Amino acid sequence: HGTYPFVTSSNTLPAMAATGTGLG
């Protein structure tokens, strides 16, 4: 959702807090 391709290599959205930790 960023200014691709000038972005980082991960998802930085708040939704990643669940995916990136395993908390629902």
mmCIF file of all heavy atoms, coordinates in Angstrom:
data_MODEL
# 
_entry.id   MODEL 
# 
loop_
_atom_site.group_PDB 
_atom_site.id 
_atom_site.type_symbol 
_atom_site.label_atom_id 
_atom_site.label_alt_id 
_atom_site.label_comp_id 
_atom_site.label_asym_id 
_atom_site.label_entity_id 
_atom_site.label_seq_id 
_atom_site.pdbx_PDB_ins_code 
_atom_site.Cartn_x 
_atom_site.Cartn_y 
_atom_site.Cartn_z 
_atom_site.occupancy 
_atom_site.B_iso_or_equiv 
_atom_site.pdbx_formal_charge 
_atom_site.auth_seq_id 
_atom_site.auth_comp_id 
_atom_site.auth_asym_id 
_atom_site.auth_atom_id 
_atom_site.pdbx_PDB_model_num 
ATOM 1   N N   . HIS A 1 1  ? 0.795  -1.224  0.000  1.00 0.00 ? 1  HIS A N   1 
ATOM 2   C CA  . HIS A 1 1  ? 0.000  0.000   0.000  1.00 0.00 ? 1  HIS A CA  1 
ATOM 3   C C   . HIS A 1 1  ? 0.829  1.275   0.000  1.00 0.00 ? 1  HIS A C   1 
ATOM 4   O O   . HIS A 1 1  ? 0.267  2.372   0.048  1.00 0.00 ? 1  HIS A O   1 
ATOM 5   C CB  . HIS A 1 1  ? -0.948 0.001   1.203  1.00 0.00 ? 1  HIS A CB  1 
ATOM 6   C CG  . HIS A 1 1  ? -1.954 -1.106  1.164  1.00 0.00 ? 1  HIS A CG  1 
ATOM 7   N ND1 . HIS A 1 1  ? -3.104 -1.041  0.407  1.00 0.00 ? 1  HIS A ND1 1 
ATOM 8   C CD2 . HIS A 1 1  ? -1.976 -2.312  1.784  1.00 0.00 ? 1  HIS A CD2 1 
ATOM 9   C CE1 . HIS A 1 1  ? -3.798 -2.148  0.567  1.00 0.00 ? 1  HIS A CE1 1 
ATOM 10  N NE2 . HIS A 1 1  ? -3.135 -2.942  1.401  1.00 0.00 ? 1  HIS A NE2 1 
ATOM 11  N N   . GLY A 1 2  ? 2.139  1.151   -0.049 1.00 0.00 ? 2  GLY A N   1 
ATOM 12  C CA  . GLY A 1 2  ? 3.004  2.317   -0.045 1.00 0.00 ? 2  GLY A CA  1 
ATOM 13  C C   . GLY A 1 2  ? 3.357  2.784   -1.450 1.00 0.00 ? 2  GLY A C   1 
ATOM 14  O O   . GLY A 1 2  ? 2.747  2.367   -2.442 1.00 0.00 ? 2  GLY A O   1 
ATOM 15  N N   . THR A 1 3  ? 4.350  3.676   -1.540 1.00 0.00 ? 3  THR A N   1 
ATOM 16  C CA  . THR A 1 3  ? 4.770  4.241   -2.822 1.00 0.00 ? 3  THR A CA  1 
ATOM 17  C C   . THR A 1 3  ? 5.719  3.278   -3.538 1.00 0.00 ? 3  THR A C   1 
ATOM 18  O O   . THR A 1 3  ? 6.905  3.562   -3.758 1.00 0.00 ? 3  THR A O   1 
ATOM 19  C CB  . THR A 1 3  ? 5.435  5.620   -2.616 1.00 0.00 ? 3  THR A CB  1 
ATOM 20  O OG1 . THR A 1 3  ? 6.423  5.524   -1.559 1.00 0.00 ? 3  THR A OG1 1 
ATOM 21  C CG2 . THR A 1 3  ? 4.392  6.654   -2.213 1.00 0.00 ? 3  THR A CG2 1 
ATOM 22  N N   . TYR A 1 4  ? 5.185  2.142   -3.907 1.00 0.00 ? 4  TYR A N   1 
ATOM 23  C CA  . TYR A 1 4  ? 5.910  1.064   -4.571 1.00 0.00 ? 4  TYR A CA  1 
ATOM 24  C C   . TYR A 1 4  ? 6.516  1.532   -5.904 1.00 0.00 ? 4  TYR A C   1 
ATOM 25  O O   . TYR A 1 4  ? 5.866  2.251   -6.654 1.00 0.00 ? 4  TYR A O   1 
ATOM 26  C CB  . TYR A 1 4  ? 4.940  -0.094  -4.824 1.00 0.00 ? 4  TYR A CB  1 
ATOM 27  C CG  . TYR A 1 4  ? 5.566  -1.375  -5.296 1.00 0.00 ? 4  TYR A CG  1 
ATOM 28  C CD1 . TYR A 1 4  ? 5.980  -2.354  -4.381 1.00 0.00 ? 4  TYR A CD1 1 
ATOM 29  C CD2 . TYR A 1 4  ? 5.738  -1.619  -6.641 1.00 0.00 ? 4  TYR A CD2 1 
ATOM 30  C CE1 . TYR A 1 4  ? 6.540  -3.549  -4.826 1.00 0.00 ? 4  TYR A CE1 1 
ATOM 31  C CE2 . TYR A 1 4  ? 6.316  -2.811  -7.089 1.00 0.00 ? 4  TYR A CE2 1 
ATOM 32  C CZ  . TYR A 1 4  ? 6.707  -3.766  -6.173 1.00 0.00 ? 4  TYR A CZ  1 
ATOM 33  O OH  . TYR A 1 4  ? 7.264  -4.955  -6.600 1.00 0.00 ? 4  TYR A OH  1 
ATOM 34  N N   . PRO A 1 5  ? 7.776  1.172   -6.201 1.00 0.00 ? 5  PRO A N   1 
ATOM 35  C CA  . PRO A 1 5  ? 8.670  0.233   -5.523 1.00 0.00 ? 5  PRO A CA  1 
ATOM 36  C C   . PRO A 1 5  ? 9.541  0.856   -4.435 1.00 0.00 ? 5  PRO A C   1 
ATOM 37  O O   . PRO A 1 5  ? 10.413 0.181   -3.874 1.00 0.00 ? 5  PRO A O   1 
ATOM 38  C CB  . PRO A 1 5  ? 9.546  -0.282  -6.659 1.00 0.00 ? 5  PRO A CB  1 
ATOM 39  C CG  . PRO A 1 5  ? 9.690  0.912   -7.559 1.00 0.00 ? 5  PRO A CG  1 
ATOM 40  C CD  . PRO A 1 5  ? 8.361  1.623   -7.502 1.00 0.00 ? 5  PRO A CD  1 
ATOM 41  N N   . PHE A 1 6  ? 9.329  2.148   -4.152 1.00 0.00 ? 6  PHE A N   1 
ATOM 42  C CA  . PHE A 1 6  ? 10.159 2.844   -3.157 1.00 0.00 ? 6  PHE A CA  1 
ATOM 43  C C   . PHE A 1 6  ? 9.585  2.623   -1.755 1.00 0.00 ? 6  PHE A C   1 
ATOM 44  O O   . PHE A 1 6  ? 9.118  3.551   -1.082 1.00 0.00 ? 6  PHE A O   1 
ATOM 45  C CB  . PHE A 1 6  ? 10.239 4.336   -3.509 1.00 0.00 ? 6  PHE A CB  1 
ATOM 46  C CG  . PHE A 1 6  ? 10.781 4.586   -4.888 1.00 0.00 ? 6  PHE A CG  1 
ATOM 47  C CD1 . PHE A 1 6  ? 9.923  4.748   -5.971 1.00 0.00 ? 6  PHE A CD1 1 
ATOM 48  C CD2 . PHE A 1 6  ? 12.142 4.628   -5.118 1.00 0.00 ? 6  PHE A CD2 1 
ATOM 49  C CE1 . PHE A 1 6  ? 10.412 4.969   -7.254 1.00 0.00 ? 6  PHE A CE1 1 
ATOM 50  C CE2 . PHE A 1 6  ? 12.640 4.841   -6.395 1.00 0.00 ? 6  PHE A CE2 1 
ATOM 51  C CZ  . PHE A 1 6  ? 11.777 5.004   -7.461 1.00 0.00 ? 6  PHE A CZ  1 
ATOM 52  N N   . VAL A 1 7  ? 9.629  1.361   -1.339 1.00 0.00 ? 7  VAL A N   1 
ATOM 53  C CA  . VAL A 1 7  ? 9.013  0.936   -0.087 1.00 0.00 ? 7  VAL A CA  1 
ATOM 54  C C   . VAL A 1 7  ? 9.960  -0.010  0.643  1.00 0.00 ? 7  VAL A C   1 
ATOM 55  O O   . VAL A 1 7  ? 11.016 -0.373  0.129  1.00 0.00 ? 7  VAL A O   1 
ATOM 56  C CB  . VAL A 1 7  ? 7.665  0.229   -0.347 1.00 0.00 ? 7  VAL A CB  1 
ATOM 57  C CG1 . VAL A 1 7  ? 6.637  1.208   -0.890 1.00 0.00 ? 7  VAL A CG1 1 
ATOM 58  C CG2 . VAL A 1 7  ? 7.845  -0.948  -1.322 1.00 0.00 ? 7  VAL A CG2 1 
ATOM 59  N N   . THR A 1 8  ? 9.573  -0.416  1.831  1.00 0.00 ? 8  THR A N   1 
ATOM 60  C CA  . THR A 1 8  ? 10.314 -1.443  2.544  1.00 0.00 ? 8  THR A CA  1 
ATOM 61  C C   . THR A 1 8  ? 9.832  -2.812  2.067  1.00 0.00 ? 8  THR A C   1 
ATOM 62  O O   . THR A 1 8  ? 8.960  -2.910  1.202  1.00 0.00 ? 8  THR A O   1 
ATOM 63  C CB  . THR A 1 8  ? 10.161 -1.276  4.067  1.00 0.00 ? 8  THR A CB  1 
ATOM 64  O OG1 . THR A 1 8  ? 11.125 -2.080  4.749  1.00 0.00 ? 8  THR A OG1 1 
ATOM 65  C CG2 . THR A 1 8  ? 8.756  -1.641  4.540  1.00 0.00 ? 8  THR A CG2 1 
ATOM 66  N N   . SER A 1 9  ? 10.374 -3.886  2.635  1.00 0.00 ? 9  SER A N   1 
ATOM 67  C CA  . SER A 1 9  ? 10.080 -5.231  2.135  1.00 0.00 ? 9  SER A CA  1 
ATOM 68  C C   . SER A 1 9  ? 9.056  -5.976  2.977  1.00 0.00 ? 9  SER A C   1 
ATOM 69  O O   . SER A 1 9  ? 8.852  -7.173  2.797  1.00 0.00 ? 9  SER A O   1 
ATOM 70  C CB  . SER A 1 9  ? 11.370 -6.053  2.064  1.00 0.00 ? 9  SER A CB  1 
ATOM 71  O OG  . SER A 1 9  ? 12.299 -5.444  1.196  1.00 0.00 ? 9  SER A OG  1 
ATOM 72  N N   . SER A 1 10 ? 8.410  -5.282  3.882  1.00 0.00 ? 10 SER A N   1 
ATOM 73  C CA  . SER A 1 10 ? 7.409  -5.915  4.729  1.00 0.00 ? 10 SER A CA  1 
ATOM 74  C C   . SER A 1 10 ? 6.125  -5.114  4.712  1.00 0.00 ? 10 SER A C   1 
ATOM 75  O O   . SER A 1 10 ? 6.071  -3.989  4.214  1.00 0.00 ? 10 SER A O   1 
ATOM 76  C CB  . SER A 1 10 ? 7.925  -6.044  6.177  1.00 0.00 ? 10 SER A CB  1 
ATOM 77  O OG  . SER A 1 10 ? 8.176  -4.760  6.741  1.00 0.00 ? 10 SER A OG  1 
ATOM 78  N N   . ASN A 1 11 ? 5.076  -5.697  5.270  1.00 0.00 ? 11 ASN A N   1 
ATOM 79  C CA  . ASN A 1 11 ? 3.824  -4.983  5.463  1.00 0.00 ? 11 ASN A CA  1 
ATOM 80  C C   . ASN A 1 11 ? 3.892  -4.185  6.751  1.00 0.00 ? 11 ASN A C   1 
ATOM 81  O O   . ASN A 1 11 ? 4.129  -4.746  7.823  1.00 0.00 ? 11 ASN A O   1 
ATOM 82  C CB  . ASN A 1 11 ? 2.646  -5.937  5.497  1.00 0.00 ? 11 ASN A CB  1 
ATOM 83  C CG  . ASN A 1 11 ? 2.331  -6.520  4.134  1.00 0.00 ? 11 ASN A CG  1 
ATOM 84  O OD1 . ASN A 1 11 ? 2.560  -7.697  3.879  1.00 0.00 ? 11 ASN A OD1 1 
ATOM 85  N ND2 . ASN A 1 11 ? 1.793  -5.714  3.245  1.00 0.00 ? 11 ASN A ND2 1 
ATOM 86  N N   . THR A 1 12 ? 3.698  -2.880  6.660  1.00 0.00 ? 12 THR A N   1 
ATOM 87  C CA  . THR A 1 12 ? 3.814  -1.992  7.808  1.00 0.00 ? 12 THR A CA  1 
ATOM 88  C C   . THR A 1 12 ? 2.464  -1.569  8.372  1.00 0.00 ? 12 THR A C   1 
ATOM 89  O O   . THR A 1 12 ? 2.403  -0.780  9.318  1.00 0.00 ? 12 THR A O   1 
ATOM 90  C CB  . THR A 1 12 ? 4.613  -0.730  7.423  1.00 0.00 ? 12 THR A CB  1 
ATOM 91  O OG1 . THR A 1 12 ? 3.921  -0.042  6.360  1.00 0.00 ? 12 THR A OG1 1 
ATOM 92  C CG2 . THR A 1 12 ? 6.016  -1.088  6.943  1.00 0.00 ? 12 THR A CG2 1 
ATOM 93  N N   . LEU A 1 13 ? 1.378  -2.082  7.799  1.00 0.00 ? 13 LEU A N   1 
ATOM 94  C CA  . LEU A 1 13 ? 0.049  -1.733  8.275  1.00 0.00 ? 13 LEU A CA  1 
ATOM 95  C C   . LEU A 1 13 ? -0.215 -2.306  9.673  1.00 0.00 ? 13 LEU A C   1 
ATOM 96  O O   . LEU A 1 13 ? 0.370  -3.319  10.058 1.00 0.00 ? 13 LEU A O   1 
ATOM 97  C CB  . LEU A 1 13 ? -1.019 -2.243  7.309  1.00 0.00 ? 13 LEU A CB  1 
ATOM 98  C CG  . LEU A 1 13 ? -1.510 -1.259  6.252  1.00 0.00 ? 13 LEU A CG  1 
ATOM 99  C CD1 . LEU A 1 13 ? -0.395 -0.935  5.278  1.00 0.00 ? 13 LEU A CD1 1 
ATOM 100 C CD2 . LEU A 1 13 ? -2.713 -1.836  5.482  1.00 0.00 ? 13 LEU A CD2 1 
ATOM 101 N N   . PRO A 1 14 ? -1.119 -1.696  10.425 1.00 0.00 ? 14 PRO A N   1 
ATOM 102 C CA  . PRO A 1 14 ? -1.458 -2.224  11.759 1.00 0.00 ? 14 PRO A CA  1 
ATOM 103 C C   . PRO A 1 14 ? -1.918 -3.676  11.746 1.00 0.00 ? 14 PRO A C   1 
ATOM 104 O O   . PRO A 1 14 ? -1.714 -4.396  12.728 1.00 0.00 ? 14 PRO A O   1 
ATOM 105 C CB  . PRO A 1 14 ? -2.577 -1.290  12.221 1.00 0.00 ? 14 PRO A CB  1 
ATOM 106 C CG  . PRO A 1 14 ? -2.395 -0.035  11.447 1.00 0.00 ? 14 PRO A CG  1 
ATOM 107 C CD  . PRO A 1 14 ? -1.824 -0.438  10.126 1.00 0.00 ? 14 PRO A CD  1 
ATOM 108 N N   . ALA A 1 15 ? -2.547 -4.106  10.647 1.00 0.00 ? 15 ALA A N   1 
ATOM 109 C CA  . ALA A 1 15 ? -3.004 -5.495  10.555 1.00 0.00 ? 15 ALA A CA  1 
ATOM 110 C C   . ALA A 1 15 ? -1.855 -6.488  10.718 1.00 0.00 ? 15 ALA A C   1 
ATOM 111 O O   . ALA A 1 15 ? -2.059 -7.630  11.147 1.00 0.00 ? 15 ALA A O   1 
ATOM 112 C CB  . ALA A 1 15 ? -3.712 -5.725  9.225  1.00 0.00 ? 15 ALA A CB  1 
ATOM 113 N N   . MET A 1 16 ? -0.641 -6.044  10.398 1.00 0.00 ? 16 MET A N   1 
ATOM 114 C CA  . MET A 1 16 ? 0.529  -6.909  10.522 1.00 0.00 ? 16 MET A CA  1 
ATOM 115 C C   . MET A 1 16 ? 0.839  -7.238  11.980 1.00 0.00 ? 16 MET A C   1 
ATOM 116 O O   . MET A 1 16 ? 1.550  -8.200  12.261 1.00 0.00 ? 16 MET A O   1 
ATOM 117 C CB  . MET A 1 16 ? 1.744  -6.241  9.859  1.00 0.00 ? 16 MET A CB  1 
ATOM 118 C CG  . MET A 1 16 ? 2.981  -7.104  9.764  1.00 0.00 ? 16 MET A CG  1 
ATOM 119 S SD  . MET A 1 16 ? 2.751  -8.543  8.697  1.00 0.00 ? 16 MET A SD  1 
ATOM 120 C CE  . MET A 1 16 ? 4.300  -9.422  9.009  1.00 0.00 ? 16 MET A CE  1 
ATOM 121 N N   . ALA A 1 17 ? 0.305  -6.459  12.910 1.00 0.00 ? 17 ALA A N   1 
ATOM 122 C CA  . ALA A 1 17 ? 0.516  -6.741  14.334 1.00 0.00 ? 17 ALA A CA  1 
ATOM 123 C C   . ALA A 1 17 ? -0.016 -8.124  14.694 1.00 0.00 ? 17 ALA A C   1 
ATOM 124 O O   . ALA A 1 17 ? 0.550  -8.812  15.544 1.00 0.00 ? 17 ALA A O   1 
ATOM 125 C CB  . ALA A 1 17 ? -0.144 -5.677  15.204 1.00 0.00 ? 17 ALA A CB  1 
ATOM 126 N N   . ALA A 1 18 ? -1.099 -8.525  14.052 1.00 0.00 ? 18 ALA A N   1 
ATOM 127 C CA  . ALA A 1 18 ? -1.656 -9.858  14.278 1.00 0.00 ? 18 ALA A CA  1 
ATOM 128 C C   . ALA A 1 18 ? -0.835 -10.918 13.542 1.00 0.00 ? 18 ALA A C   1 
ATOM 129 O O   . ALA A 1 18 ? -0.397 -11.909 14.133 1.00 0.00 ? 18 ALA A O   1 
ATOM 130 C CB  . ALA A 1 18 ? -3.117 -9.898  13.836 1.00 0.00 ? 18 ALA A CB  1 
ATOM 131 N N   . THR A 1 19 ? -0.600 -10.706 12.261 1.00 0.00 ? 19 THR A N   1 
ATOM 132 C CA  . THR A 1 19 ? 0.141  -11.666 11.446 1.00 0.00 ? 19 THR A CA  1 
ATOM 133 C C   . THR A 1 19 ? 1.574  -11.834 11.937 1.00 0.00 ? 19 THR A C   1 
ATOM 134 O O   . THR A 1 19 ? 2.109  -12.937 11.950 1.00 0.00 ? 19 THR A O   1 
ATOM 135 C CB  . THR A 1 19 ? 0.149  -11.210 9.973  1.00 0.00 ? 19 THR A CB  1 
ATOM 136 O OG1 . THR A 1 19 ? -1.180 -10.953 9.540  1.00 0.00 ? 19 THR A OG1 1 
ATOM 137 C CG2 . THR A 1 19 ? 0.773  -12.268 9.086  1.00 0.00 ? 19 THR A CG2 1 
ATOM 138 N N   . GLY A 1 20 ? 2.192  -10.731 12.337 1.00 0.00 ? 20 GLY A N   1 
ATOM 139 C CA  . GLY A 1 20 ? 3.595  -10.753 12.718 1.00 0.00 ? 20 GLY A CA  1 
ATOM 140 C C   . GLY A 1 20 ? 3.878  -11.182 14.133 1.00 0.00 ? 20 GLY A C   1 
ATOM 141 O O   . GLY A 1 20 ? 5.035  -11.162 14.574 1.00 0.00 ? 20 GLY A O   1 
ATOM 142 N N   . THR A 1 21 ? 2.832  -11.602 14.874 1.00 0.00 ? 21 THR A N   1 
ATOM 143 C CA  . THR A 1 21 ? 3.023  -12.059 16.251 1.00 0.00 ? 21 THR A CA  1 
ATOM 144 C C   . THR A 1 21 ? 2.269  -13.338 16.580 1.00 0.00 ? 21 THR A C   1 
ATOM 145 O O   . THR A 1 21 ? 2.664  -14.079 17.476 1.00 0.00 ? 21 THR A O   1 
ATOM 146 C CB  . THR A 1 21 ? 2.583  -10.989 17.261 1.00 0.00 ? 21 THR A CB  1 
ATOM 147 O OG1 . THR A 1 21 ? 1.166  -10.740 17.123 1.00 0.00 ? 21 THR A OG1 1 
ATOM 148 C CG2 . THR A 1 21 ? 3.358  -9.697  17.058 1.00 0.00 ? 21 THR A CG2 1 
ATOM 149 N N   . GLY A 1 22 ? 1.163  -13.574 15.870 1.00 0.00 ? 22 GLY A N   1 
ATOM 150 C CA  . GLY A 1 22 ? 0.328  -14.725 16.170 1.00 0.00 ? 22 GLY A CA  1 
ATOM 151 C C   . GLY A 1 22 ? -0.794 -14.437 17.144 1.00 0.00 ? 22 GLY A C   1 
ATOM 152 O O   . GLY A 1 22 ? -1.503 -15.339 17.566 1.00 0.00 ? 22 GLY A O   1 
ATOM 153 N N   . LEU A 1 23 ? -0.966 -13.171 17.500 1.00 0.00 ? 23 LEU A N   1 
ATOM 154 C CA  . LEU A 1 23 ? -2.100 -12.794 18.330 1.00 0.00 ? 23 LEU A CA  1 
ATOM 155 C C   . LEU A 1 23 ? -3.287 -12.480 17.420 1.00 0.00 ? 23 LEU A C   1 
ATOM 156 O O   . LEU A 1 23 ? -3.143 -11.786 16.423 1.00 0.00 ? 23 LEU A O   1 
ATOM 157 C CB  . LEU A 1 23 ? -1.773 -11.576 19.193 1.00 0.00 ? 23 LEU A CB  1 
ATOM 158 C CG  . LEU A 1 23 ? -2.860 -11.177 20.207 1.00 0.00 ? 23 LEU A CG  1 
ATOM 159 C CD1 . LEU A 1 23 ? -2.921 -12.185 21.344 1.00 0.00 ? 23 LEU A CD1 1 
ATOM 160 C CD2 . LEU A 1 23 ? -2.609 -9.776  20.751 1.00 0.00 ? 23 LEU A CD2 1 
ATOM 161 N N   . GLY A 1 24 ? -4.454 -12.983 17.762 1.00 0.00 ? 24 GLY A N   1 
ATOM 162 C CA  . GLY A 1 24 ? -5.618 -12.770 16.915 1.00 0.00 ? 24 GLY A CA  1 
ATOM 163 C C   . GLY A 1 24 ? -5.982 -11.305 16.771 1.00 0.00 ? 24 GLY A C   1 
ATOM 164 O O   . GLY A 1 24 ? -5.841 -10.525 17.724 1.00 0.00 ? 24 GLY A O   1 
# 
